[in-house]
Every structure is written in C-alpha cells, then in structure tokens.
Amino acid sequence: MGTPIRARSVVGRLAIVAFVAAAIAFWALPMLWLVTAPFNSHPGLDVSWPDWTLENFRKLSENPYAFSSLKNSVYLAVGTMLGVTAMAALAAYSLSRVRIPGRNTILYGLLLLSSIVTGTAAMVPIFQLMFALNLVDDRSGVILVLTGGLLPAAIFILKDFMDATPKSYEESARVFGATPLQVLRHVVLPIVRPGLATIAVWALVNVWSDFLTSYILLRDPTKLPAGVVMYTFYSEGGQANLPLISAFSLVYAAPVVALYLFVNRRYGFRFHGGIKS
C-alpha cells in the first residue's frame, strides 16, 4: 500500500508545482511585455525577443506632453500624499484619544460611505462643487478631491496604530510639560511610523494610477497627469499606438517600482517604533 500512497503524493506535488508555475507565468508575461516591447521596433501584443532599439523612446520624446505629464503626476501624488498623511494622523489621534459620543459609528459610517459612494458615482456633484469653488482646471482642486476620497480609509487604518500606542508614554511626556502637539510629534508619530509609511505609499500609488478625476477636472493639456496623457496615444477609432504606449508604460511604471524598492530596502519587514529623546 505504500507505493500507491507515494505515487498519489508525487502526483499531488506535481499538480501543485504545475499550478504555481502557471500562476507565475500568468503574472510574469505582462511584466515581460512591459520590459521588452519598448525596445522592439514593431511591438505587438505578444511577448517576443526584441531587436533592441531606442526608436520608440525617441518618438516618445517628440510628444510635447509625455514627460511633462510625469511632473504633473508627481505634483498630484506628492500633494495628495502629504495631505492625506497629515490629516489622517491628526484625525486618527483625535478619534483614538478623545471620547466622542458615537465615535465608532461616525468612523465606520465614513468608511462605508466612501466605499459605496465611489468617485465615479459622486463625480457629478464633485464637478459642481469644484466649479462653484472655481477649481476646475486647477490641480489644487484635483488634490482636494483625491485627498477627500482617500482620507476615510486612511483614518480607519491609522486609528488602529494609534490605539496600539501605550498611553503611559504620553502621560510621561505631559508630566514634563509637553503640549498635545509635542506629544503627538515626539511620542506618538515615531511609534506609528509603520502606519504613516503605509498610508503615504498607499495614497501615492492610488493617485499615481488615477485617471477619472484628472480627466474630468483638468482641461489644459499641460496640466494633465501621465495616466490621462496615455489615453491620447489611442486614435479616434480606438487603435492603440503600441510603440508610444509600450515606451511610455515603462517610463510611467519606473517611479512606482523605484518607490517599492526604496521602501523595501529602507524598511522591509523591519518596521519598528521609537520615541524621540
């Protein structure tokens, strides 16, 4: 009986290996296309060995909005990241420490509404609000809208980190005369650095990939971010300009990959807190 059991075990392991290999190939093929198609003079939708040319990047450099759109994306992403991180830290700390009637109901209600009423469903009233505030075709208006959309989830995530902060540390700081803002800055924030880093990276990546908000609120081509400019690489009939799209996709994805490598190298799984002396 040992031989049939061993045979079934080997077959089961081979099936698992085959499944894992298929899953890896499913996710790896788009990545292979991303790094090979930009260097192919005639890129297609299949993955093939390129003939190694920089002609696609030369054509991309001739586009007047391609590289300037990356600066716009950085402006929107960094502005939203700073706003979300700062306001989420203040709100999460307040909700964690101040006893407000119905606090949890308010928090869960904001999270639920932000999940149900997405940016697509709320875009008409958002556009009307931005128009009334004279913020249409203004990148500051886009930052405000994106910050408002990401803030409920950011507060919900960061509040858990705030709740885990020992209150005895704050009480010790207050004994030595620290103000509430000093306690937050020198005691709480160093401890919740993992949460702040999570919120910052999460907000930046979400804004970097945003399309709809910028597409509706911005009119000037010089203000459009990269996600919207890529849309212009399609003809009116929907025909994709693969040389430009492949080259721009690689340039567009490079900052996010660099951010991931930096965060992984800087923190990795070594997130830890600390208190400033």
Protein backbone atom coordinates (compact mmCIF):
# COMPACT_ATOMS: atom_id res chain seq x y z
CA MET A 1 0.00 0.00 0.00
CA GLY A 2 2.96 2.30 0.44
CA THR A 3 3.65 2.57 -3.29
CA PRO A 4 0.16 3.85 -4.34
CA ILE A 5 0.21 6.40 -1.50
CA ARG A 6 3.65 7.63 -2.55
CA ALA A 7 2.50 7.80 -6.17
CA ARG A 8 -0.53 9.88 -5.22
CA SER A 9 1.71 12.13 -3.13
CA VAL A 10 4.08 12.67 -6.08
CA VAL A 11 1.17 13.37 -8.42
CA GLY A 12 -0.28 15.84 -5.94
CA ARG A 13 3.03 17.68 -5.63
CA LEU A 14 3.46 17.78 -9.40
CA ALA A 15 -0.05 19.23 -9.72
CA ILE A 16 0.78 21.92 -7.15
CA VAL A 17 4.04 22.75 -8.94
CA ALA A 18 2.23 22.96 -12.28
CA PHE A 19 -0.43 25.24 -10.80
CA VAL A 20 2.18 27.54 -9.24
CA ALA A 21 4.14 27.64 -12.49
CA ALA A 22 1.00 28.56 -14.45
CA ALA A 23 0.14 31.29 -11.95
CA ILE A 24 3.67 32.71 -12.13
CA ALA A 25 3.57 32.67 -15.92
CA PHE A 26 0.18 34.40 -15.88
CA TRP A 27 1.58 37.30 -13.86
CA ALA A 28 5.06 37.29 -15.40
CA LEU A 29 4.06 37.56 -19.07
CA PRO A 30 2.67 41.12 -18.77
CA MET A 31 5.86 42.12 -16.94
CA LEU A 32 7.98 40.58 -19.68
CA TRP A 33 5.99 42.51 -22.28
CA LEU A 34 6.49 45.71 -20.30
CA VAL A 35 10.29 45.39 -20.31
CA THR A 36 10.71 44.04 -23.85
CA ALA A 37 8.09 45.77 -26.02
CA PRO A 38 9.53 49.31 -25.58
CA PHE A 39 12.77 48.17 -27.21
CA ASN A 40 11.06 46.49 -30.17
CA SER A 41 10.75 48.48 -33.39
CA HIS A 42 7.40 46.81 -34.14
CA PRO A 43 5.89 45.84 -30.76
CA GLY A 44 2.81 43.67 -30.68
CA LEU A 45 0.55 42.24 -28.02
CA ASP A 46 2.65 39.09 -27.75
CA VAL A 47 5.93 38.64 -25.91
CA SER A 48 8.86 38.23 -28.29
CA TRP A 49 12.59 38.83 -28.30
CA PRO A 50 13.07 42.49 -29.28
CA ASP A 51 15.51 43.81 -31.84
CA TRP A 52 16.75 46.34 -29.24
CA THR A 53 16.13 49.83 -30.49
CA LEU A 54 15.52 53.16 -28.76
CA GLU A 55 13.37 54.50 -31.57
CA ASN A 56 10.20 54.23 -29.51
CA PHE A 57 11.68 56.46 -26.81
CA ARG A 58 12.81 58.96 -29.44
CA LYS A 59 9.24 59.14 -30.76
CA LEU A 60 8.00 59.50 -27.20
CA SER A 61 10.34 62.43 -26.57
CA GLU A 62 8.79 64.23 -29.54
CA ASN A 63 5.41 64.22 -27.83
CA PRO A 64 5.02 67.64 -26.19
CA TYR A 65 3.05 66.34 -23.19
CA ALA A 66 4.57 62.94 -22.39
CA PHE A 67 7.38 63.81 -19.99
CA SER A 68 5.76 66.94 -18.60
CA SER A 69 2.79 64.79 -17.59
CA LEU A 70 5.09 62.82 -15.28
CA LYS A 71 5.87 66.07 -13.43
CA ASN A 72 2.15 66.68 -13.08
CA SER A 73 1.66 63.17 -11.71
CA VAL A 74 4.42 63.76 -9.16
CA TYR A 75 2.82 67.05 -8.13
CA LEU A 76 -0.61 65.47 -7.66
CA ALA A 77 0.71 62.33 -5.96
CA VAL A 78 3.03 64.09 -3.50
CA GLY A 79 0.48 66.80 -2.70
CA THR A 80 -2.24 64.25 -2.01
CA MET A 81 0.11 62.02 -0.04
CA LEU A 82 1.15 64.87 2.26
CA GLY A 83 -2.45 65.99 2.76
CA VAL A 84 -3.78 62.51 3.46
CA THR A 85 -0.93 61.59 5.82
CA ALA A 86 -1.09 64.82 7.82
CA MET A 87 -4.87 65.00 8.17
CA ALA A 88 -5.25 61.26 8.79
CA ALA A 89 -2.66 61.43 11.58
CA LEU A 90 -4.45 64.31 13.32
CA ALA A 91 -7.92 62.81 12.88
CA ALA A 92 -6.88 59.28 13.87
CA TYR A 93 -5.14 60.55 17.00
CA SER A 94 -8.18 62.61 17.97
CA LEU A 95 -10.57 59.71 17.43
CA SER A 96 -8.26 57.40 19.35
CA ARG A 97 -7.81 59.61 22.41
CA VAL A 98 -10.89 61.83 22.67
CA ARG A 99 -14.13 60.24 23.85
CA ILE A 100 -16.75 61.44 21.36
CA PRO A 101 -20.33 60.08 21.53
CA GLY A 102 -20.89 57.80 18.56
CA ARG A 103 -17.20 57.84 17.64
CA ASN A 104 -17.10 54.34 16.18
CA THR A 105 -20.39 54.89 14.37
CA ILE A 106 -19.01 58.01 12.71
CA LEU A 107 -15.79 56.26 11.72
CA TYR A 108 -17.47 53.18 10.28
CA GLY A 109 -20.09 55.35 8.58
CA LEU A 110 -17.42 57.40 6.81
CA LEU A 111 -15.62 54.24 5.73
CA LEU A 112 -18.82 52.63 4.49
CA LEU A 113 -19.95 55.71 2.57
CA SER A 114 -16.52 56.15 0.99
CA SER A 115 -16.67 52.53 -0.19
CA ILE A 116 -20.23 52.67 -1.54
CA VAL A 117 -20.24 56.17 -3.00
CA THR A 118 -17.14 55.91 -5.14
CA GLY A 119 -15.53 58.68 -7.17
CA THR A 120 -17.38 57.57 -10.29
CA ALA A 121 -20.82 57.79 -8.63
CA ALA A 122 -20.06 61.13 -6.98
CA MET A 123 -18.31 62.79 -9.92
CA VAL A 124 -21.27 64.99 -10.93
CA PRO A 125 -21.69 66.67 -7.52
CA ILE A 126 -17.90 66.82 -7.17
CA PHE A 127 -17.62 68.62 -10.50
CA GLN A 128 -20.39 71.04 -9.50
CA LEU A 129 -18.62 71.74 -6.20
CA MET A 130 -15.28 72.35 -7.91
CA PHE A 131 -16.99 74.60 -10.46
CA ALA A 132 -18.60 76.63 -7.68
CA LEU A 133 -15.21 76.98 -5.98
CA ASN A 134 -13.57 77.95 -9.28
CA LEU A 135 -11.22 74.98 -9.05
CA VAL A 136 -11.95 73.35 -12.40
CA ASP A 137 -8.76 73.07 -14.44
CA ASP A 138 -6.80 73.64 -11.24
CA ARG A 139 -4.50 70.91 -9.95
CA SER A 140 -5.19 72.03 -6.38
CA GLY A 141 -8.82 71.05 -6.87
CA VAL A 142 -7.77 67.59 -8.02
CA ILE A 143 -5.60 67.22 -4.92
CA LEU A 144 -8.51 68.22 -2.69
CA VAL A 145 -10.86 65.72 -4.32
CA LEU A 146 -8.35 62.86 -4.18
CA THR A 147 -7.46 63.68 -0.58
CA GLY A 148 -11.10 63.64 0.44
CA GLY A 149 -11.65 60.31 -1.26
CA LEU A 150 -8.67 58.60 0.40
CA LEU A 151 -9.00 60.18 3.84
CA PRO A 152 -11.74 57.97 5.41
CA ALA A 153 -9.87 54.73 4.73
CA ALA A 154 -6.58 56.31 5.82
CA ILE A 155 -8.10 57.42 9.14
CA PHE A 156 -9.58 53.96 9.68
CA ILE A 157 -6.23 52.25 9.07
CA LEU A 158 -4.17 54.71 11.10
CA LYS A 159 -6.52 54.66 14.09
CA ASP A 160 -5.55 51.05 14.80
CA PHE A 161 -1.91 52.12 15.05
CA MET A 162 -2.88 54.99 17.35
CA ASP A 163 -4.92 52.66 19.59
CA ALA A 164 -1.88 50.39 20.00
CA THR A 165 0.29 53.26 21.30
CA PRO A 166 0.73 52.96 25.09
CA LYS A 167 -0.90 55.92 26.79
CA SER A 168 1.69 55.78 29.58
CA TYR A 169 4.26 57.23 27.18
CA GLU A 170 2.05 60.24 26.54
CA GLU A 171 1.35 60.71 30.23
CA SER A 172 5.07 60.71 30.96
CA ALA A 173 5.61 63.40 28.33
CA ARG A 174 2.82 65.54 29.77
CA VAL A 175 4.38 65.29 33.24
CA PHE A 176 7.46 67.01 31.79
CA GLY A 177 5.32 69.80 30.34
CA ALA A 178 4.84 68.64 26.74
CA THR A 179 1.91 70.14 24.85
CA PRO A 180 -0.55 67.89 22.97
CA LEU A 181 1.13 68.71 19.63
CA GLN A 182 4.56 67.95 21.11
CA VAL A 183 3.25 64.65 22.44
CA LEU A 184 1.89 63.80 19.01
CA ARG A 185 5.07 64.83 17.20
CA HIS A 186 7.75 63.42 19.52
CA VAL A 187 6.00 60.45 21.12
CA VAL A 188 3.10 59.13 19.05
CA LEU A 189 4.27 59.69 15.47
CA PRO A 190 7.65 57.94 15.91
CA ILE A 191 5.82 54.90 17.25
CA VAL A 192 3.28 54.77 14.43
CA ARG A 193 5.85 55.20 11.66
CA PRO A 194 4.83 51.89 10.06
CA GLY A 195 1.26 53.17 9.76
CA LEU A 196 2.39 56.53 8.38
CA ALA A 197 4.60 54.81 5.80
CA THR A 198 1.75 52.51 4.81
CA ILE A 199 -0.67 55.42 4.37
CA ALA A 200 1.87 57.51 2.45
CA VAL A 201 2.77 54.78 -0.04
CA TRP A 202 -0.85 53.68 -0.41
CA ALA A 203 -2.03 57.23 -1.14
CA LEU A 204 0.80 57.92 -3.58
CA VAL A 205 0.19 54.75 -5.59
CA ASN A 206 -3.56 55.39 -5.73
CA VAL A 207 -3.07 58.90 -7.05
CA TRP A 208 -0.37 57.82 -9.47
CA SER A 209 -2.80 55.44 -11.16
CA ASP A 210 -5.79 57.81 -11.06
CA PHE A 211 -7.47 58.65 -14.35
CA LEU A 212 -11.10 59.72 -13.94
CA THR A 213 -10.71 62.65 -11.53
CA SER A 214 -7.96 64.36 -13.52
CA TYR A 215 -9.66 63.58 -16.83
CA ILE A 216 -12.86 65.37 -15.76
CA LEU A 217 -11.48 68.26 -13.72
CA LEU A 218 -8.49 69.27 -15.86
CA ARG A 219 -8.77 70.92 -19.27
CA ASP A 220 -5.34 72.31 -20.04
CA PRO A 221 -3.18 69.62 -21.74
CA THR A 222 -0.09 70.95 -19.95
CA LYS A 223 -1.68 70.10 -16.57
CA LEU A 224 -2.72 66.53 -17.36
CA PRO A 225 -1.03 63.68 -15.44
CA ALA A 226 0.56 60.69 -17.10
CA GLY A 227 -2.47 58.43 -16.70
CA VAL A 228 -4.59 60.79 -18.79
CA VAL A 229 -1.89 61.56 -21.36
CA MET A 230 -1.54 57.85 -22.11
CA TYR A 231 -5.18 57.92 -23.21
CA THR A 232 -4.17 60.27 -26.04
CA PHE A 233 -2.00 57.53 -27.54
CA TYR A 234 -5.15 55.94 -28.94
CA SER A 235 -6.64 57.09 -32.22
CA GLU A 236 -10.24 58.28 -32.52
CA GLY A 237 -11.15 54.81 -33.74
CA GLY A 238 -9.57 53.20 -30.67
CA GLN A 239 -6.43 51.99 -32.44
CA ALA A 240 -3.54 51.79 -29.98
CA ASN A 241 -0.17 53.31 -30.84
CA LEU A 242 1.80 50.44 -29.36
CA PRO A 243 5.30 51.94 -29.83
CA LEU A 244 4.36 55.02 -27.79
CA ILE A 245 2.22 53.11 -25.28
CA SER A 246 4.91 50.50 -24.60
CA ALA A 247 7.66 53.09 -24.14
CA PHE A 248 5.51 55.36 -22.01
CA SER A 249 4.27 52.43 -19.90
CA LEU A 250 7.83 51.58 -18.93
CA VAL A 251 8.62 55.20 -18.05
CA TYR A 252 5.30 55.52 -16.21
CA ALA A 253 5.88 52.37 -14.15
CA ALA A 254 9.51 53.11 -13.27
CA PRO A 255 8.81 55.56 -10.38
CA VAL A 256 6.41 53.13 -8.69
CA VAL A 257 8.94 50.29 -8.98
CA ALA A 258 11.67 52.57 -7.64
CA LEU A 259 9.41 53.52 -4.73
CA TYR A 260 8.77 49.87 -3.93
CA LEU A 261 12.49 49.05 -4.00
CA PHE A 262 13.29 52.04 -1.80
CA VAL A 263 10.62 51.24 0.79
CA ASN A 264 11.54 47.56 0.79
CA ARG A 265 15.23 48.38 1.23
CA ARG A 266 14.61 51.10 3.80
CA TYR A 267 12.03 49.25 5.87
CA GLY A 268 11.30 45.78 4.54
CA PHE A 269 9.88 43.75 7.41
CA ARG A 270 11.87 45.75 9.93
CA PHE A 271 9.19 48.31 10.78
CA HIS A 272 9.68 49.39 14.34
CA GLY A 273 8.73 52.28 16.51
CA GLY A 274 10.71 54.50 18.80
CA ILE A 275 10.50 57.59 20.90
CA LYS A 276 12.50 60.71 20.28
CA SER A 277 14.63 61.76 23.16
